[in-house]
Amino acid sequence: QVQLVESGGGLVQAGGSLRLSCRASGRIFSINAMGWYRQAAGKERELVASITSGGNTNYADSVKGRFTISRDNAKNTVYLQMNSLKPEDTAVYYCHCAGVRTMFNNLDAWGQGTLVTVSS
């Protein structure tokens, strides 16, 4: 069983910063890609940023230059540093791990979501 625990969401004024963290727990041998998605009210879930085990990153155009994704493979943890936040960044942010290899299987996992609210 793999669990993802997120932290770091909250309320911030436009132009401010937040840092999200997500730690994967369980009998994990390795994780291929880790990433963050978000879903705003009335909209579909979208990819914000992802990072492979080798450190290759991918960002949505809307967050390039403002958000930075990183990971600590030893801690099975992924981070999302969000700077210059805008009201349109308001959403529930979900951590996602793809290719989580455990003793018995290889699976994907989602976190429970953390709310980020940016006030204008």
C-alpha atoms as a PDB file:
ATOM      1  CA  GLN A   1       0.000   0.000   0.000  1.00  0.00           C
ATOM      2  CA  VAL A   2       1.294   3.438  -0.966  1.00  0.00           C
ATOM      3  CA  GLN A   3       0.075   6.642   0.613  1.00  0.00           C
ATOM      4  CA  LEU A   4       0.770  10.230  -0.439  1.00  0.00           C
ATOM      5  CA  VAL A   5       0.584  12.921   2.233  1.00  0.00           C
ATOM      6  CA  GLU A   6       0.499  16.530   1.074  1.00  0.00           C
ATOM      7  CA  SER A   7       1.097  19.692   3.036  1.00  0.00           C
ATOM      8  CA  GLY A   8       1.686  23.385   2.497  1.00  0.00           C
ATOM      9  CA  GLY A   9      -1.537  24.686   1.050  1.00  0.00           C
ATOM     10  CA  GLY A  10      -3.327  27.723   2.392  1.00  0.00           C
ATOM     11  CA  LEU A  11      -4.407  31.277   1.783  1.00  0.00           C
ATOM     12  CA  VAL A  12      -1.997  33.803   0.332  1.00  0.00           C
ATOM     13  CA  GLN A  13      -2.257  37.217  -1.267  1.00  0.00           C
ATOM     14  CA  ALA A  14      -1.514  37.723  -4.929  1.00  0.00           C
ATOM     15  CA  GLY A  15       2.206  38.014  -5.490  1.00  0.00           C
ATOM     16  CA  GLY A  16       2.980  35.810  -2.522  1.00  0.00           C
ATOM     17  CA  SER A  17       4.578  32.392  -2.292  1.00  0.00           C
ATOM     18  CA  LEU A  18       3.734  28.939  -1.025  1.00  0.00           C
ATOM     19  CA  ARG A  19       5.606  25.666  -0.937  1.00  0.00           C
ATOM     20  CA  LEU A  20       3.786  22.375  -1.290  1.00  0.00           C
ATOM     21  CA  SER A  21       5.253  19.081  -0.147  1.00  0.00           C
ATOM     22  CA  CYS A  22       4.171  15.518  -0.818  1.00  0.00           C
ATOM     23  CA  ARG A  23       5.724  12.468   0.788  1.00  0.00           C
ATOM     24  CA  ALA A  24       5.075   8.954  -0.443  1.00  0.00           C
ATOM     25  CA  SER A  25       5.087   6.278   2.215  1.00  0.00           C
ATOM     26  CA  GLY A  26       5.002   2.495   2.060  1.00  0.00           C
ATOM     27  CA  ARG A  27       7.395  -0.233   0.986  1.00  0.00           C
ATOM     28  CA  ILE A  28       8.629   1.728  -2.001  1.00  0.00           C
ATOM     29  CA  PHE A  29      11.636   0.717  -4.034  1.00  0.00           C
ATOM     30  CA  SER A  30      11.491   3.561  -6.540  1.00  0.00           C
ATOM     31  CA  ILE A  31       9.195   6.158  -8.083  1.00  0.00           C
ATOM     32  CA  ASN A  32       9.401   7.022 -11.759  1.00  0.00           C
ATOM     33  CA  ALA A  33       7.694  10.394 -12.125  1.00  0.00           C
ATOM     34  CA  MET A  34       6.295  12.681  -9.446  1.00  0.00           C
ATOM     35  CA  GLY A  35       4.119  15.644 -10.142  1.00  0.00           C
ATOM     36  CA  TRP A  36       1.450  18.093  -9.199  1.00  0.00           C
ATOM     37  CA  TYR A  37      -1.959  18.562 -10.771  1.00  0.00           C
ATOM     38  CA  ARG A  38      -4.593  21.109  -9.882  1.00  0.00           C
ATOM     39  CA  GLN A  39      -8.319  21.426 -10.268  1.00  0.00           C
ATOM     40  CA  ALA A  40     -10.097  24.734  -9.994  1.00  0.00           C
ATOM     41  CA  ALA A  41     -13.809  24.958  -9.327  1.00  0.00           C
ATOM     42  CA  GLY A  42     -15.773  24.008 -12.422  1.00  0.00           C
ATOM     43  CA  LYS A  43     -12.680  23.035 -14.384  1.00  0.00           C
ATOM     44  CA  GLU A  44     -10.911  19.839 -15.295  1.00  0.00           C
ATOM     45  CA  ARG A  45      -7.842  18.630 -13.490  1.00  0.00           C
ATOM     46  CA  GLU A  46      -4.677  19.812 -15.212  1.00  0.00           C
ATOM     47  CA  LEU A  47      -0.992  19.060 -14.960  1.00  0.00           C
ATOM     48  CA  VAL A  48       0.994  21.784 -13.239  1.00  0.00           C
ATOM     49  CA  ALA A  49       4.475  20.283 -13.181  1.00  0.00           C
ATOM     50  CA  SER A  50       6.218  16.932 -13.176  1.00  0.00           C
ATOM     51  CA  ILE A  51       9.698  15.613 -12.539  1.00  0.00           C
ATOM     52  CA  THR A  52      11.265  12.278 -13.416  1.00  0.00           C
ATOM     53  CA  SER A  53      13.585  10.258 -11.236  1.00  0.00           C
ATOM     54  CA  GLY A  54      16.436  11.638 -13.294  1.00  0.00           C
ATOM     55  CA  GLY A  55      15.421  15.220 -12.661  1.00  0.00           C
ATOM     56  CA  ASN A  56      13.807  16.101 -15.988  1.00  0.00           C
ATOM     57  CA  THR A  57      11.024  18.605 -15.459  1.00  0.00           C
ATOM     58  CA  ASN A  58       7.916  19.657 -17.310  1.00  0.00           C
ATOM     59  CA  TYR A  59       5.705  22.667 -16.594  1.00  0.00           C
ATOM     60  CA  ALA A  60       2.381  23.984 -17.724  1.00  0.00           C
ATOM     61  CA  ASP A  61       2.830  27.167 -19.732  1.00  0.00           C
ATOM     62  CA  SER A  62       0.763  29.089 -17.193  1.00  0.00           C
ATOM     63  CA  VAL A  63       3.278  28.459 -14.388  1.00  0.00           C
ATOM     64  CA  LYS A  64       6.608  28.557 -16.216  1.00  0.00           C
ATOM     65  CA  GLY A  65       8.995  30.984 -14.576  1.00  0.00           C
ATOM     66  CA  ARG A  66       6.903  31.150 -11.392  1.00  0.00           C
ATOM     67  CA  PHE A  67       6.759  27.571 -10.089  1.00  0.00           C
ATOM     68  CA  THR A  68       9.629  25.178  -9.459  1.00  0.00           C
ATOM     69  CA  ILE A  69       9.274  21.455  -8.904  1.00  0.00           C
ATOM     70  CA  SER A  70      11.925  19.405  -7.138  1.00  0.00           C
ATOM     71  CA  ARG A  71      12.219  16.037  -5.448  1.00  0.00           C
ATOM     72  CA  ASP A  72      14.223  14.225  -2.831  1.00  0.00           C
ATOM     73  CA  ASN A  73      14.476  10.613  -3.955  1.00  0.00           C
ATOM     74  CA  ALA A  74      15.863   9.444  -0.629  1.00  0.00           C
ATOM     75  CA  LYS A  75      12.768  10.773   1.120  1.00  0.00           C
ATOM     76  CA  ASN A  76      10.282   9.913  -1.667  1.00  0.00           C
ATOM     77  CA  THR A  77       9.182  13.522  -1.479  1.00  0.00           C
ATOM     78  CA  VAL A  78       8.264  16.052  -4.142  1.00  0.00           C
ATOM     79  CA  TYR A  79       8.029  19.786  -3.659  1.00  0.00           C
ATOM     80  CA  LEU A  80       6.378  22.614  -5.546  1.00  0.00           C
ATOM     81  CA  GLN A  81       7.679  26.100  -4.872  1.00  0.00           C
ATOM     82  CA  MET A  82       5.085  28.576  -6.065  1.00  0.00           C
ATOM     83  CA  ASN A  83       6.086  32.220  -6.427  1.00  0.00           C
ATOM     84  CA  SER A  84       4.306  35.269  -7.812  1.00  0.00           C
ATOM     85  CA  LEU A  85       0.987  33.593  -7.180  1.00  0.00           C
ATOM     86  CA  LYS A  86      -2.070  34.842  -9.028  1.00  0.00           C
ATOM     87  CA  PRO A  87      -5.763  34.505  -8.205  1.00  0.00           C
ATOM     88  CA  GLU A  88      -6.096  32.142 -11.163  1.00  0.00           C
ATOM     89  CA  ASP A  89      -3.742  29.732  -9.386  1.00  0.00           C
ATOM     90  CA  THR A  90      -6.498  29.098  -6.856  1.00  0.00           C
ATOM     91  CA  ALA A  91      -7.302  25.387  -6.946  1.00  0.00           C
ATOM     92  CA  VAL A  92      -7.014  22.104  -5.135  1.00  0.00           C
ATOM     93  CA  TYR A  93      -3.512  20.794  -5.809  1.00  0.00           C
ATOM     94  CA  TYR A  94      -2.999  17.048  -6.055  1.00  0.00           C
ATOM     95  CA  CYS A  95       0.234  15.140  -5.809  1.00  0.00           C
ATOM     96  CA  HIS A  96       0.666  12.274  -8.265  1.00  0.00           C
ATOM     97  CA  CYS A  97       3.251   9.525  -8.457  1.00  0.00           C
ATOM     98  CA  ALA A  98       3.603   7.407 -11.557  1.00  0.00           C
ATOM     99  CA  GLY A  99       5.428   4.118 -11.680  1.00  0.00           C
ATOM    100  CA  VAL A 100       5.688   3.485  -7.961  1.00  0.00           C
ATOM    101  CA  ARG A 101       7.552   0.213  -7.654  1.00  0.00           C
ATOM    102  CA  THR A 102       6.894  -1.801  -4.537  1.00  0.00           C
ATOM    103  CA  MET A 103       7.734  -5.362  -3.593  1.00  0.00           C
ATOM    104  CA  PHE A 104       4.564  -6.689  -5.193  1.00  0.00           C
ATOM    105  CA  ASN A 105       3.536  -4.310  -7.931  1.00  0.00           C
ATOM    106  CA  ASN A 106       4.010  -1.165  -9.961  1.00  0.00           C
ATOM    107  CA  LEU A 107       1.279   1.420  -9.566  1.00  0.00           C
ATOM    108  CA  ASP A 108       0.211   5.046  -9.693  1.00  0.00           C
ATOM    109  CA  ALA A 109      -0.978   6.979  -6.669  1.00  0.00           C
ATOM    110  CA  TRP A 110      -2.779  10.233  -5.896  1.00  0.00           C
ATOM    111  CA  GLY A 111      -2.714  12.444  -2.843  1.00  0.00           C
ATOM    112  CA  GLN A 112      -5.859  13.673  -1.139  1.00  0.00           C
ATOM    113  CA  GLY A 113      -5.407  17.240  -2.371  1.00  0.00           C
ATOM    114  CA  THR A 114      -4.493  20.487  -0.669  1.00  0.00           C
ATOM    115  CA  LEU A 115      -6.316  23.763  -1.223  1.00  0.00           C
ATOM    116  CA  VAL A 116      -4.423  26.817  -2.421  1.00  0.00           C
ATOM    117  CA  THR A 117      -6.341  30.081  -2.364  1.00  0.00           C
ATOM    118  CA  VAL A 118      -4.838  33.263  -3.789  1.00  0.00           C
ATOM    119  CA  SER A 119      -6.653  36.462  -2.924  1.00  0.00           C
ATOM    120  CA  SER A 120      -6.506  39.561  -5.093  1.00  0.00           C
END
